[in-house]
């Protein structure tokens, strides 16, 4: 019985000390492939970070229509980022 408790306690300490890596990404799933630019109020780009290892693009829509995630792998997003970087510098 004492051996069982000792083994149980050792296993408990080992597994309780392990942390699970929880991602705190803003986007769940791949996101939209495109959005009409006339409806866009602003676009925010979040680089990968310790809290989320994905590139995230958040689109805020006009007239209080909310926020949507844009798929960073879509042609629309790639073209938008390329044009924004070109205009920036």
N, C-alpha and C. Protein backbone atom coordinates (compact mmCIF):
# COMPACT_ATOMS: atom_id res chain seq x y z
N UNK A 1 0.82 -1.20 0.00
CA UNK A 1 0.00 0.00 0.00
C UNK A 1 0.87 1.26 0.00
N UNK A 2 1.94 1.23 0.79
CA UNK A 2 2.83 2.39 0.86
C UNK A 2 3.51 2.61 -0.49
N UNK A 3 3.91 1.50 -1.14
CA UNK A 3 4.54 1.61 -2.46
C UNK A 3 3.56 2.22 -3.47
N UNK A 4 2.33 1.78 -3.42
CA UNK A 4 1.32 2.31 -4.33
C UNK A 4 1.16 3.82 -4.15
N UNK A 5 1.05 4.27 -2.91
CA UNK A 5 0.90 5.70 -2.65
C UNK A 5 2.13 6.49 -3.10
N UNK A 6 3.31 5.93 -2.90
CA UNK A 6 4.53 6.60 -3.32
C UNK A 6 4.56 6.75 -4.84
N UNK A 7 4.25 5.68 -5.55
CA UNK A 7 4.23 5.72 -7.02
C UNK A 7 3.13 6.67 -7.49
N UNK A 8 1.97 6.60 -6.88
CA UNK A 8 0.86 7.48 -7.25
C UNK A 8 1.26 8.94 -7.05
N UNK A 9 1.84 9.27 -5.92
CA UNK A 9 2.25 10.65 -5.64
C UNK A 9 3.31 11.13 -6.62
N UNK A 10 4.26 10.28 -6.95
CA UNK A 10 5.31 10.66 -7.92
C UNK A 10 4.69 10.94 -9.29
N UNK A 11 3.79 10.07 -9.72
CA UNK A 11 3.13 10.29 -11.01
C UNK A 11 2.28 11.56 -10.99
N UNK A 12 1.59 11.77 -9.91
CA UNK A 12 0.76 12.96 -9.79
C UNK A 12 1.61 14.22 -9.89
N UNK A 13 2.72 14.25 -9.20
CA UNK A 13 3.61 15.42 -9.23
C UNK A 13 4.18 15.63 -10.63
N UNK A 14 4.58 14.55 -11.29
CA UNK A 14 5.13 14.67 -12.65
C UNK A 14 4.11 15.23 -13.63
N UNK A 15 2.90 14.67 -13.61
CA UNK A 15 1.90 15.10 -14.58
C UNK A 15 1.24 16.42 -14.22
N UNK A 16 1.12 16.73 -12.97
CA UNK A 16 0.51 17.99 -12.55
C UNK A 16 1.43 19.16 -12.89
N UNK A 17 2.73 18.91 -12.90
CA UNK A 17 3.68 19.97 -13.19
C UNK A 17 3.80 20.31 -14.66
N UNK A 18 3.30 19.44 -15.52
CA UNK A 18 3.37 19.72 -16.95
C UNK A 18 2.28 20.69 -17.34
N UNK A 19 2.69 21.69 -18.10
CA UNK A 19 1.71 22.67 -18.57
C UNK A 19 1.31 22.33 -19.99
N UNK A 20 0.06 22.53 -20.28
CA UNK A 20 -0.38 22.36 -21.65
C UNK A 20 -0.23 23.71 -22.35
N UNK A 21 0.14 23.66 -23.60
CA UNK A 21 0.32 24.87 -24.38
C UNK A 21 -1.03 25.31 -24.92
N UNK A 22 -1.59 26.36 -24.36
CA UNK A 22 -2.90 26.85 -24.77
C UNK A 22 -2.69 28.08 -25.64
N UNK A 23 -3.18 28.01 -26.86
CA UNK A 23 -3.08 29.15 -27.77
C UNK A 23 -4.24 30.10 -27.49
N UNK A 24 -3.93 31.36 -27.45
CA UNK A 24 -4.96 32.38 -27.23
C UNK A 24 -5.08 33.23 -28.49
N UNK A 25 -5.43 32.57 -29.57
CA UNK A 25 -5.57 33.24 -30.86
C UNK A 25 -6.91 33.97 -30.91
N UNK A 26 -6.93 35.07 -31.65
CA UNK A 26 -8.17 35.83 -31.82
C UNK A 26 -9.10 35.16 -32.82
N UNK A 27 -8.52 34.50 -33.81
CA UNK A 27 -9.30 33.84 -34.86
C UNK A 27 -9.40 32.35 -34.59
N UNK A 28 -10.59 31.83 -34.74
CA UNK A 28 -10.82 30.39 -34.66
C UNK A 28 -11.14 29.91 -36.06
N UNK A 29 -10.38 29.00 -36.57
CA UNK A 29 -10.59 28.52 -37.94
C UNK A 29 -9.81 29.37 -38.93
N UNK A 30 -9.96 29.06 -40.22
CA UNK A 30 -9.15 29.73 -41.24
C UNK A 30 -9.55 31.17 -41.54
N UNK A 31 -10.79 31.53 -41.37
CA UNK A 31 -11.24 32.89 -41.66
C UNK A 31 -11.79 33.03 -43.07
N UNK A 32 -12.21 34.25 -43.40
CA UNK A 32 -12.80 34.54 -44.71
C UNK A 32 -11.70 34.65 -45.76
N UNK A 33 -12.02 34.31 -46.99
CA UNK A 33 -11.03 34.41 -48.06
C UNK A 33 -10.99 35.80 -48.68
N UNK A 34 -12.08 36.55 -48.60
CA UNK A 34 -12.08 37.92 -49.09
C UNK A 34 -13.20 38.71 -48.45
N UNK A 35 -13.08 40.02 -48.53
CA UNK A 35 -14.10 40.91 -47.99
C UNK A 35 -14.16 42.13 -48.91
N UNK A 36 -15.32 42.72 -49.07
CA UNK A 36 -15.45 43.90 -49.93
C UNK A 36 -14.78 45.09 -49.25
N UNK A 37 -13.85 45.72 -49.94
CA UNK A 37 -13.10 46.83 -49.36
C UNK A 37 -14.01 48.01 -49.00
N UNK A 38 -15.16 48.15 -49.67
CA UNK A 38 -16.10 49.22 -49.35
C UNK A 38 -16.68 49.06 -47.95
N UNK A 39 -16.69 47.84 -47.44
CA UNK A 39 -17.27 47.56 -46.12
C UNK A 39 -16.25 47.63 -45.00
N UNK A 40 -14.95 47.80 -45.34
CA UNK A 40 -13.88 47.73 -44.35
C UNK A 40 -13.63 49.09 -43.72
N UNK A 41 -13.65 49.12 -42.40
CA UNK A 41 -13.27 50.33 -41.65
C UNK A 41 -11.77 50.32 -41.37
N UNK A 42 -11.26 49.18 -40.89
CA UNK A 42 -9.81 49.05 -40.67
C UNK A 42 -9.42 47.58 -40.70
N UNK A 43 -8.13 47.36 -40.98
CA UNK A 43 -7.57 46.02 -41.00
C UNK A 43 -6.37 46.00 -40.06
N UNK A 44 -6.35 45.03 -39.15
CA UNK A 44 -5.23 44.88 -38.21
C UNK A 44 -4.53 43.55 -38.49
N UNK A 45 -3.21 43.61 -38.51
CA UNK A 45 -2.41 42.41 -38.74
C UNK A 45 -1.63 42.11 -37.47
N UNK A 46 -1.79 40.90 -36.95
CA UNK A 46 -1.10 40.46 -35.74
C UNK A 46 -0.10 39.38 -36.11
N UNK A 47 1.17 39.65 -35.87
CA UNK A 47 2.22 38.68 -36.16
C UNK A 47 2.17 37.54 -35.16
N UNK A 48 2.76 36.41 -35.51
CA UNK A 48 2.84 35.30 -34.54
C UNK A 48 3.55 35.74 -33.26
N UNK A 49 3.08 35.24 -32.14
CA UNK A 49 3.62 35.64 -30.84
C UNK A 49 3.60 34.42 -29.91
N UNK A 50 4.13 34.56 -28.70
CA UNK A 50 4.08 33.44 -27.75
C UNK A 50 2.65 32.99 -27.43
N UNK A 51 1.69 33.90 -27.49
CA UNK A 51 0.31 33.52 -27.16
C UNK A 51 -0.44 32.91 -28.34
N UNK A 52 0.04 33.16 -29.57
CA UNK A 52 -0.59 32.57 -30.76
C UNK A 52 0.47 32.46 -31.85
N UNK A 53 0.69 31.26 -32.35
CA UNK A 53 1.77 31.05 -33.31
C UNK A 53 1.34 31.25 -34.76
N UNK A 54 0.17 31.86 -34.98
CA UNK A 54 -0.34 32.09 -36.34
C UNK A 54 -0.36 33.58 -36.67
N UNK A 55 -0.21 33.90 -37.95
CA UNK A 55 -0.45 35.26 -38.43
C UNK A 55 -1.96 35.45 -38.46
N UNK A 56 -2.44 36.54 -37.87
CA UNK A 56 -3.88 36.78 -37.83
C UNK A 56 -4.19 38.14 -38.43
N UNK A 57 -5.23 38.19 -39.24
CA UNK A 57 -5.68 39.43 -39.86
C UNK A 57 -7.13 39.64 -39.44
N UNK A 58 -7.37 40.74 -38.72
CA UNK A 58 -8.71 41.06 -38.22
C UNK A 58 -9.25 42.25 -39.01
N UNK A 59 -10.42 42.09 -39.60
CA UNK A 59 -11.06 43.15 -40.39
C UNK A 59 -12.22 43.70 -39.57
N UNK A 60 -12.20 45.02 -39.32
CA UNK A 60 -13.32 45.68 -38.65
C UNK A 60 -14.20 46.27 -39.75
N UNK A 61 -15.47 45.90 -39.74
CA UNK A 61 -16.40 46.34 -40.78
C UNK A 61 -17.10 47.63 -40.38
N UNK A 62 -17.51 48.39 -41.38
CA UNK A 62 -18.20 49.67 -41.16
C UNK A 62 -19.60 49.45 -40.60
N UNK A 63 -20.18 50.52 -40.08
CA UNK A 63 -21.56 50.54 -39.58
C UNK A 63 -21.81 49.53 -38.47
N UNK A 64 -20.79 49.27 -37.65
CA UNK A 64 -20.96 48.38 -36.51
C UNK A 64 -21.26 46.94 -36.88
N UNK A 65 -20.83 46.53 -38.06
CA UNK A 65 -21.12 45.16 -38.53
C UNK A 65 -20.20 44.13 -37.90
N UNK A 66 -19.30 44.55 -37.02
CA UNK A 66 -18.47 43.60 -36.29
C UNK A 66 -17.09 43.42 -36.87
N UNK A 67 -16.42 42.39 -36.36
CA UNK A 67 -15.07 42.05 -36.80
C UNK A 67 -15.08 40.65 -37.39
N UNK A 68 -14.26 40.48 -38.42
CA UNK A 68 -14.13 39.18 -39.08
C UNK A 68 -12.66 38.84 -39.22
N UNK A 69 -12.36 37.57 -39.22
CA UNK A 69 -10.99 37.11 -39.45
C UNK A 69 -10.82 36.85 -40.94
N UNK A 70 -9.67 37.26 -41.44
CA UNK A 70 -9.34 37.07 -42.84
C UNK A 70 -8.28 35.99 -42.94
N UNK A 71 -8.46 35.07 -43.86
CA UNK A 71 -7.51 33.98 -44.06
C UNK A 71 -6.20 34.55 -44.61
N UNK A 72 -5.10 34.48 -43.85
CA UNK A 72 -3.83 35.05 -44.32
C UNK A 72 -3.25 34.32 -45.52
N UNK A 73 -3.74 33.12 -45.82
CA UNK A 73 -3.25 32.36 -46.97
C UNK A 73 -4.04 32.66 -48.25
N UNK A 74 -5.11 33.45 -48.14
CA UNK A 74 -5.92 33.76 -49.32
C UNK A 74 -5.20 34.76 -50.22
N UNK A 75 -5.51 34.70 -51.52
CA UNK A 75 -4.90 35.64 -52.47
C UNK A 75 -5.27 37.08 -52.12
N UNK A 76 -6.49 37.30 -51.67
CA UNK A 76 -6.93 38.64 -51.29
C UNK A 76 -6.05 39.21 -50.19
N UNK A 77 -5.82 38.44 -49.14
CA UNK A 77 -5.00 38.90 -48.02
C UNK A 77 -3.56 39.13 -48.44
N UNK A 78 -3.01 38.23 -49.22
CA UNK A 78 -1.62 38.37 -49.68
C UNK A 78 -1.46 39.63 -50.52
N UNK A 79 -2.41 39.89 -51.43
CA UNK A 79 -2.34 41.10 -52.26
C UNK A 79 -2.49 42.35 -51.41
N UNK A 80 -3.40 42.32 -50.44
CA UNK A 80 -3.59 43.48 -49.57
C UNK A 80 -2.31 43.80 -48.79
N UNK A 81 -1.69 42.78 -48.21
CA UNK A 81 -0.47 42.98 -47.43
C UNK A 81 0.65 43.50 -48.34
N UNK A 82 0.78 42.93 -49.53
CA UNK A 82 1.82 43.36 -50.47
C UNK A 82 1.64 44.84 -50.82
N UNK A 83 0.40 45.26 -51.12
CA UNK A 83 0.14 46.66 -51.47
C UNK A 83 0.38 47.58 -50.28
N UNK A 84 -0.02 47.14 -49.09
CA UNK A 84 0.18 47.97 -47.89
C UNK A 84 1.67 48.18 -47.62
N UNK A 85 2.46 47.13 -47.77
CA UNK A 85 3.91 47.26 -47.56
C UNK A 85 4.55 48.13 -48.62
N UNK A 86 4.06 48.04 -49.85
CA UNK A 86 4.60 48.86 -50.94
C UNK A 86 4.30 50.34 -50.69
N UNK A 87 3.08 50.65 -50.24
CA UNK A 87 2.69 52.04 -49.95
C UNK A 87 3.41 52.60 -48.73
N UNK A 88 3.78 51.72 -47.83
CA UNK A 88 4.41 52.14 -46.57
C UNK A 88 5.86 52.58 -46.77
N UNK A 89 6.53 51.99 -47.68
CA UNK A 89 7.94 52.35 -47.77
C UNK A 89 8.48 52.12 -49.09
